[in-house]
PDB file of N, CA and C in Angstrom:
ATOM      1  N   MET A   1     -36.999  -2.555 -28.364  1.00  0.00           N
ATOM      2  CA  MET A   1     -36.418  -3.873 -28.007  1.00  0.00           C
ATOM      3  C   MET A   1     -35.004  -3.756 -28.531  1.00  0.00           C
ATOM      4  N   ASN A   2     -34.082  -4.477 -27.407  1.00  0.00           N
ATOM      5  CA  ASN A   2     -32.747  -4.278 -27.304  1.00  0.00           C
ATOM      6  C   ASN A   2     -32.261  -5.656 -28.176  1.00  0.00           C
ATOM      7  N   PRO A   3     -31.193  -5.514 -29.148  1.00  0.00           N
ATOM      8  CA  PRO A   3     -30.752  -6.643 -29.816  1.00  0.00           C
ATOM      9  C   PRO A   3     -30.198  -7.642 -28.907  1.00  0.00           C
ATOM     10  N   VAL A   4     -30.369  -8.887 -29.207  1.00  0.00           N
ATOM     11  CA  VAL A   4     -29.711  -9.924 -28.277  1.00  0.00           C
ATOM     12  C   VAL A   4     -28.414 -10.509 -28.913  1.00  0.00           C
ATOM     13  N   SER A   5     -27.689 -10.498 -27.940  1.00  0.00           N
ATOM     14  CA  SER A   5     -26.165 -11.049 -28.618  1.00  0.00           C
ATOM     15  C   SER A   5     -26.085 -12.622 -28.884  1.00  0.00           C
ATOM     16  N   ASP A   6     -24.932 -12.879 -29.458  1.00  0.00           N
ATOM     17  CA  ASP A   6     -24.933 -14.257 -29.806  1.00  0.00           C
ATOM     18  C   ASP A   6     -24.898 -15.223 -28.766  1.00  0.00           C
ATOM     19  N   ILE A   7     -24.076 -14.738 -27.604  1.00  0.00           N
ATOM     20  CA  ILE A   7     -23.853 -15.510 -26.387  1.00  0.00           C
ATOM     21  C   ILE A   7     -25.420 -15.573 -25.848  1.00  0.00           C
ATOM     22  N   GLU A   8     -26.120 -14.795 -25.811  1.00  0.00           N
ATOM     23  CA  GLU A   8     -27.330 -14.958 -25.137  1.00  0.00           C
ATOM     24  C   GLU A   8     -28.342 -15.857 -26.141  1.00  0.00           C
ATOM     25  N   VAL A   9     -28.098 -15.870 -27.165  1.00  0.00           N
ATOM     26  CA  VAL A   9     -28.879 -16.913 -28.188  1.00  0.00           C
ATOM     27  C   VAL A   9     -28.427 -18.041 -27.783  1.00  0.00           C
ATOM     28  N   TYR A  10     -27.116 -18.506 -27.841  1.00  0.00           N
ATOM     29  CA  TYR A  10     -26.643 -19.580 -27.270  1.00  0.00           C
ATOM     30  C   TYR A  10     -27.053 -20.287 -25.955  1.00  0.00           C
ATOM     31  N   GLN A  11     -27.113 -19.206 -25.170  1.00  0.00           N
ATOM     32  CA  GLN A  11     -27.556 -19.475 -23.679  1.00  0.00           C
ATOM     33  C   GLN A  11     -29.089 -19.548 -23.848  1.00  0.00           C
ATOM     34  N   LYS A  12     -29.855 -19.136 -24.478  1.00  0.00           N
ATOM     35  CA  LYS A  12     -31.433 -19.307 -24.443  1.00  0.00           C
ATOM     36  C   LYS A  12     -31.494 -20.748 -24.959  1.00  0.00           C
ATOM     37  N   LEU A  13     -31.082 -21.018 -26.163  1.00  0.00           N
ATOM     38  CA  LEU A  13     -31.007 -22.180 -26.891  1.00  0.00           C
ATOM     39  C   LEU A  13     -30.583 -23.377 -25.952  1.00  0.00           C
ATOM     40  N   THR A  14     -29.501 -23.232 -25.297  1.00  0.00           N
ATOM     41  CA  THR A  14     -29.304 -24.403 -24.497  1.00  0.00           C
ATOM     42  C   THR A  14     -30.200 -24.519 -23.197  1.00  0.00           C
ATOM     43  N   ALA A  15     -30.647 -23.743 -22.907  1.00  0.00           N
ATOM     44  CA  ALA A  15     -31.791 -23.778 -21.787  1.00  0.00           C
ATOM     45  C   ALA A  15     -32.949 -24.379 -22.259  1.00  0.00           C
ATOM     46  N   VAL A  16     -33.423 -24.037 -23.607  1.00  0.00           N
ATOM     47  CA  VAL A  16     -34.709 -24.559 -23.925  1.00  0.00           C
ATOM     48  C   VAL A  16     -34.336 -26.364 -24.307  1.00  0.00           C
ATOM     49  N   ALA A  17     -33.151 -26.501 -24.735  1.00  0.00           N
ATOM     50  CA  ALA A  17     -32.659 -27.947 -24.900  1.00  0.00           C
ATOM     51  C   ALA A  17     -32.783 -28.501 -23.395  1.00  0.00           C
ATOM     52  N   ASP A  18     -32.315 -28.122 -22.605  1.00  0.00           N
ATOM     53  CA  ASP A  18     -32.213 -28.694 -21.342  1.00  0.00           C
ATOM     54  C   ASP A  18     -33.634 -28.814 -20.695  1.00  0.00           C
ATOM     55  N   GLU A  19     -34.684 -28.136 -20.979  1.00  0.00           N
ATOM     56  CA  GLU A  19     -35.996 -28.062 -20.587  1.00  0.00           C
ATOM     57  C   GLU A  19     -36.535 -29.129 -21.292  1.00  0.00           C
ATOM     58  N   LEU A  20     -36.394 -29.286 -22.640  1.00  0.00           N
ATOM     59  CA  LEU A  20     -36.896 -30.333 -23.418  1.00  0.00           C
ATOM     60  C   LEU A  20     -36.437 -31.669 -22.956  1.00  0.00           C
ATOM     61  N   ASP A  21     -35.253 -31.774 -22.554  1.00  0.00           N
ATOM     62  CA  ASP A  21     -34.709 -33.126 -22.344  1.00  0.00           C
ATOM     63  C   ASP A  21     -35.391 -33.438 -20.810  1.00  0.00           C
ATOM     64  N   SER A  22     -35.418 -32.440 -19.969  1.00  0.00           N
ATOM     65  CA  SER A  22     -36.055 -32.531 -18.821  1.00  0.00           C
ATOM     66  C   SER A  22     -37.545 -33.418 -18.647  1.00  0.00           C
ATOM     67  N   ILE A  23     -38.424 -32.428 -19.757  1.00  0.00           N
ATOM     68  CA  ILE A  23     -39.927 -32.930 -19.881  1.00  0.00           C
ATOM     69  C   ILE A  23     -39.769 -34.324 -20.834  1.00  0.00           C
ATOM     70  N   ALA A  24     -38.766 -34.654 -21.564  1.00  0.00           N
ATOM     71  CA  ALA A  24     -38.906 -36.162 -22.092  1.00  0.00           C
ATOM     72  C   ALA A  24     -38.411 -37.054 -21.091  1.00  0.00           C
ATOM     73  N   ALA A  25     -37.642 -36.710 -20.099  1.00  0.00           N
ATOM     74  CA  ALA A  25     -37.336 -37.796 -19.000  1.00  0.00           C
ATOM     75  C   ALA A  25     -38.894 -38.031 -18.113  1.00  0.00           C
ATOM     76  N   GLU A  26     -39.511 -37.316 -18.136  1.00  0.00           N
ATOM     77  CA  GLU A  26     -40.950 -37.517 -17.493  1.00  0.00           C
ATOM     78  C   GLU A  26     -42.157 -37.843 -18.454  1.00  0.00           C
ATOM     79  N   GLY A  27     -41.798 -37.862 -19.862  1.00  0.00           N
ATOM     80  CA  GLY A  27     -42.864 -38.305 -20.842  1.00  0.00           C
ATOM     81  C   GLY A  27     -43.589 -39.558 -20.669  1.00  0.00           C
ATOM     82  N   ALA A  28     -44.724 -39.485 -20.867  1.00  0.00           N
ATOM     83  CA  ALA A  28     -45.677 -40.607 -20.351  1.00  0.00           C
ATOM     84  C   ALA A  28     -45.665 -41.512 -21.693  1.00  0.00           C
ATOM     85  N   THR A  29     -45.461 -41.309 -22.868  1.00  0.00           N
ATOM     86  CA  THR A  29     -45.386 -42.291 -23.894  1.00  0.00           C
ATOM     87  C   THR A  29     -44.066 -42.055 -24.698  1.00  0.00           C
ATOM     88  N   LEU A  30     -43.808 -43.248 -25.495  1.00  0.00           N
ATOM     89  CA  LEU A  30     -42.665 -43.352 -26.067  1.00  0.00           C
ATOM     90  C   LEU A  30     -42.350 -42.557 -27.119  1.00  0.00           C
ATOM     91  N   VAL A  31     -43.768 -42.353 -27.750  1.00  0.00           N
ATOM     92  CA  VAL A  31     -43.728 -41.313 -29.030  1.00  0.00           C
ATOM     93  C   VAL A  31     -43.499 -39.986 -28.617  1.00  0.00           C
ATOM     94  N   GLY A  32     -44.058 -39.275 -27.141  1.00  0.00           N
ATOM     95  CA  GLY A  32     -43.769 -38.028 -26.810  1.00  0.00           C
ATOM     96  C   GLY A  32     -42.507 -37.938 -26.372  1.00  0.00           C
ATOM     97  N   ASN A  33     -41.670 -39.183 -25.678  1.00  0.00           N
ATOM     98  CA  ASN A  33     -40.441 -39.033 -25.399  1.00  0.00           C
ATOM     99  C   ASN A  33     -39.551 -38.678 -26.630  1.00  0.00           C
ATOM    100  N   ALA A  34     -39.747 -39.597 -27.714  1.00  0.00           N
ATOM    101  CA  ALA A  34     -38.866 -39.481 -28.854  1.00  0.00           C
ATOM    102  C   ALA A  34     -39.129 -38.288 -29.525  1.00  0.00           C
ATOM    103  N   ALA A  35     -40.394 -37.725 -29.569  1.00  0.00           N
ATOM    104  CA  ALA A  35     -40.533 -36.364 -30.079  1.00  0.00           C
ATOM    105  C   ALA A  35     -39.574 -35.232 -29.362  1.00  0.00           C
ATOM    106  N   LEU A  36     -39.660 -35.210 -28.131  1.00  0.00           N
ATOM    107  CA  LEU A  36     -39.110 -34.220 -27.112  1.00  0.00           C
ATOM    108  C   LEU A  36     -37.591 -34.469 -27.369  1.00  0.00           C
ATOM    109  N   THR A  37     -37.190 -35.657 -27.214  1.00  0.00           N
ATOM    110  CA  THR A  37     -35.667 -36.073 -27.354  1.00  0.00           C
ATOM    111  C   THR A  37     -35.171 -35.590 -28.628  1.00  0.00           C
ATOM    112  N   THR A  38     -35.858 -35.747 -29.884  1.00  0.00           N
ATOM    113  CA  THR A  38     -35.458 -35.195 -31.086  1.00  0.00           C
ATOM    114  C   THR A  38     -35.507 -33.687 -30.977  1.00  0.00           C
ATOM    115  N   ALA A  39     -36.400 -33.051 -30.475  1.00  0.00           N
ATOM    116  CA  ALA A  39     -36.415 -31.674 -30.668  1.00  0.00           C
ATOM    117  C   ALA A  39     -35.251 -31.091 -29.766  1.00  0.00           C
ATOM    118  N   ALA A  40     -35.213 -31.538 -28.700  1.00  0.00           N
ATOM    119  CA  ALA A  40     -33.830 -31.240 -27.893  1.00  0.00           C
ATOM    120  C   ALA A  40     -32.685 -31.414 -28.503  1.00  0.00           C
ATOM    121  N   MET A  41     -32.387 -32.340 -29.330  1.00  0.00           N
ATOM    122  CA  MET A  41     -31.220 -32.627 -30.232  1.00  0.00           C
ATOM    123  C   MET A  41     -31.009 -31.525 -31.284  1.00  0.00           C
ATOM    124  N   THR A  42     -32.407 -31.129 -31.930  1.00  0.00           N
ATOM    125  CA  THR A  42     -32.215 -30.074 -32.796  1.00  0.00           C
ATOM    126  C   THR A  42     -32.028 -28.924 -32.099  1.00  0.00           C
ATOM    127  N   VAL A  43     -32.575 -28.579 -31.232  1.00  0.00           N
ATOM    128  CA  VAL A  43     -32.207 -27.281 -30.658  1.00  0.00           C
ATOM    129  C   VAL A  43     -30.898 -26.975 -30.002  1.00  0.00           C
ATOM    130  N   ARG A  44     -30.360 -28.283 -29.622  1.00  0.00           N
ATOM    131  CA  ARG A  44     -28.812 -28.440 -29.105  1.00  0.00           C
ATOM    132  C   ARG A  44     -27.995 -28.202 -30.402  1.00  0.00           C
ATOM    133  N   GLY A  45     -28.338 -28.801 -31.279  1.00  0.00           N
ATOM    134  CA  GLY A  45     -27.587 -28.424 -32.773  1.00  0.00           C
ATOM    135  C   GLY A  45     -27.439 -27.159 -33.126  1.00  0.00           C
ATOM    136  N   MET A  46     -28.595 -26.253 -32.966  1.00  0.00           N
ATOM    137  CA  MET A  46     -28.650 -24.737 -33.356  1.00  0.00           C
ATOM    138  C   MET A  46     -27.694 -24.286 -32.235  1.00  0.00           C
ATOM    139  N   ALA A  47     -27.838 -24.634 -30.908  1.00  0.00           N
ATOM    140  CA  ALA A  47     -26.660 -23.934 -29.992  1.00  0.00           C
ATOM    141  C   ALA A  47     -25.372 -24.001 -30.277  1.00  0.00           C
ATOM    142  N   THR A  48     -25.262 -25.349 -30.782  1.00  0.00           N
ATOM    143  CA  THR A  48     -23.759 -25.709 -31.058  1.00  0.00           C
ATOM    144  C   THR A  48     -23.335 -24.750 -32.402  1.00  0.00           C
ATOM    145  N   ALA A  49     -24.156 -24.730 -33.146  1.00  0.00           N
ATOM    146  CA  ALA A  49     -23.973 -23.746 -34.497  1.00  0.00           C
ATOM    147  C   ALA A  49     -23.395 -22.515 -34.045  1.00  0.00           C
ATOM    148  N   VAL A  50     -24.306 -21.897 -33.377  1.00  0.00           N
ATOM    149  CA  VAL A  50     -24.001 -20.415 -32.680  1.00  0.00           C
ATOM    150  C   VAL A  50     -22.748 -20.469 -31.827  1.00  0.00           C
ATOM    151  N   TYR A  51     -22.549 -21.621 -30.972  1.00  0.00           N
ATOM    152  CA  TYR A  51     -21.409 -21.427 -30.234  1.00  0.00           C
ATOM    153  C   TYR A  51     -19.980 -21.697 -31.061  1.00  0.00           C
ATOM    154  N   LYS A  52     -20.029 -22.302 -32.250  1.00  0.00           N
ATOM    155  CA  LYS A  52     -19.226 -22.310 -33.330  1.00  0.00           C
ATOM    156  C   LYS A  52     -19.086 -21.022 -34.097  1.00  0.00           C
ATOM    157  N   HIS A  53     -19.845 -20.374 -34.276  1.00  0.00           N
ATOM    158  CA  HIS A  53     -19.789 -19.079 -34.745  1.00  0.00           C
ATOM    159  C   HIS A  53     -19.051 -17.961 -33.760  1.00  0.00           C
ATOM    160  N   ILE A  54     -19.447 -17.947 -32.529  1.00  0.00           N
ATOM    161  CA  ILE A  54     -18.746 -17.117 -31.737  1.00  0.00           C
ATOM    162  C   ILE A  54     -17.284 -17.745 -31.452  1.00  0.00           C
ATOM    163  N   MET A  55     -17.055 -18.757 -31.200  1.00  0.00           N
ATOM    164  CA  MET A  55     -15.553 -19.069 -31.246  1.00  0.00           C
ATOM    165  C   MET A  55     -15.007 -18.799 -32.548  1.00  0.00           C
ATOM    166  N   GLY A  56     -15.529 -18.991 -33.532  1.00  0.00           N
ATOM    167  CA  GLY A  56     -14.837 -18.504 -34.955  1.00  0.00           C
ATOM    168  C   GLY A  56     -14.336 -16.931 -34.989  1.00  0.00           C
ATOM    169  N   GLU A  57     -15.523 -16.278 -34.262  1.00  0.00           N
ATOM    170  CA  GLU A  57     -15.107 -14.831 -34.302  1.00  0.00           C
ATOM    171  C   GLU A  57     -13.846 -14.328 -33.381  1.00  0.00           C
ATOM    172  N   ALA A  58     -13.994 -15.198 -32.319  1.00  0.00           N
ATOM    173  CA  ALA A  58     -13.140 -15.204 -31.111  1.00  0.00           C
ATOM    174  C   ALA A  58     -11.863 -15.401 -31.844  1.00  0.00           C
ATOM    175  N   GLU A  59     -11.730 -16.555 -32.472  1.00  0.00           N
ATOM    176  CA  GLU A  59     -10.317 -16.977 -33.169  1.00  0.00           C
ATOM    177  C   GLU A  59     -10.143 -15.888 -34.303  1.00  0.00           C
ATOM    178  N   ALA A  60     -10.774 -15.389 -34.959  1.00  0.00           N
ATOM    179  CA  ALA A  60     -10.422 -14.399 -35.955  1.00  0.00           C
ATOM    180  C   ALA A  60      -9.952 -13.023 -35.212  1.00  0.00           C
ATOM    181  N   SER A  61     -10.587 -12.743 -34.442  1.00  0.00           N
ATOM    182  CA  SER A  61     -10.196 -11.765 -33.594  1.00  0.00           C
ATOM    183  C   SER A  61      -8.841 -11.608 -32.924  1.00  0.00           C
ATOM    184  N   ALA A  62      -8.506 -13.080 -32.545  1.00  0.00           N
ATOM    185  CA  ALA A  62      -7.057 -13.129 -31.922  1.00  0.00           C
ATOM    186  C   ALA A  62      -5.994 -13.350 -32.949  1.00  0.00           C
ATOM    187  N   LEU A  63      -6.318 -13.743 -34.165  1.00  0.00           N
ATOM    188  CA  LEU A  63      -5.579 -13.761 -35.215  1.00  0.00           C
ATOM    189  C   LEU A  63      -5.133 -12.271 -35.809  1.00  0.00           C
ATOM    190  N   ASP A  64      -6.285 -11.465 -35.757  1.00  0.00           N
ATOM    191  CA  ASP A  64      -6.012 -10.154 -36.377  1.00  0.00           C
ATOM    192  C   ASP A  64      -5.158  -9.072 -35.416  1.00  0.00           C
ATOM    193  N   SER A  65      -5.069  -9.828 -34.199  1.00  0.00           N
ATOM    194  CA  SER A  65      -4.340  -9.014 -33.185  1.00  0.00           C
ATOM    195  C   SER A  65      -2.833  -9.054 -33.395  1.00  0.00           C
TER     196      SER A  65
END
């Protein structure tokens, strides 16, 4: 199994969040919609944390140059 890069983790988390948003838009009940929307926000938050980590590494590399 090959290691997954941080950018791939970000992309996959973003794709999962988008899919959850899409499913929530089609949700049959308010409770299901709320659960899916909350899950999407949580996953999107994780993606944002990974993105900020990636950007922090990029800034540190630029400062080291």
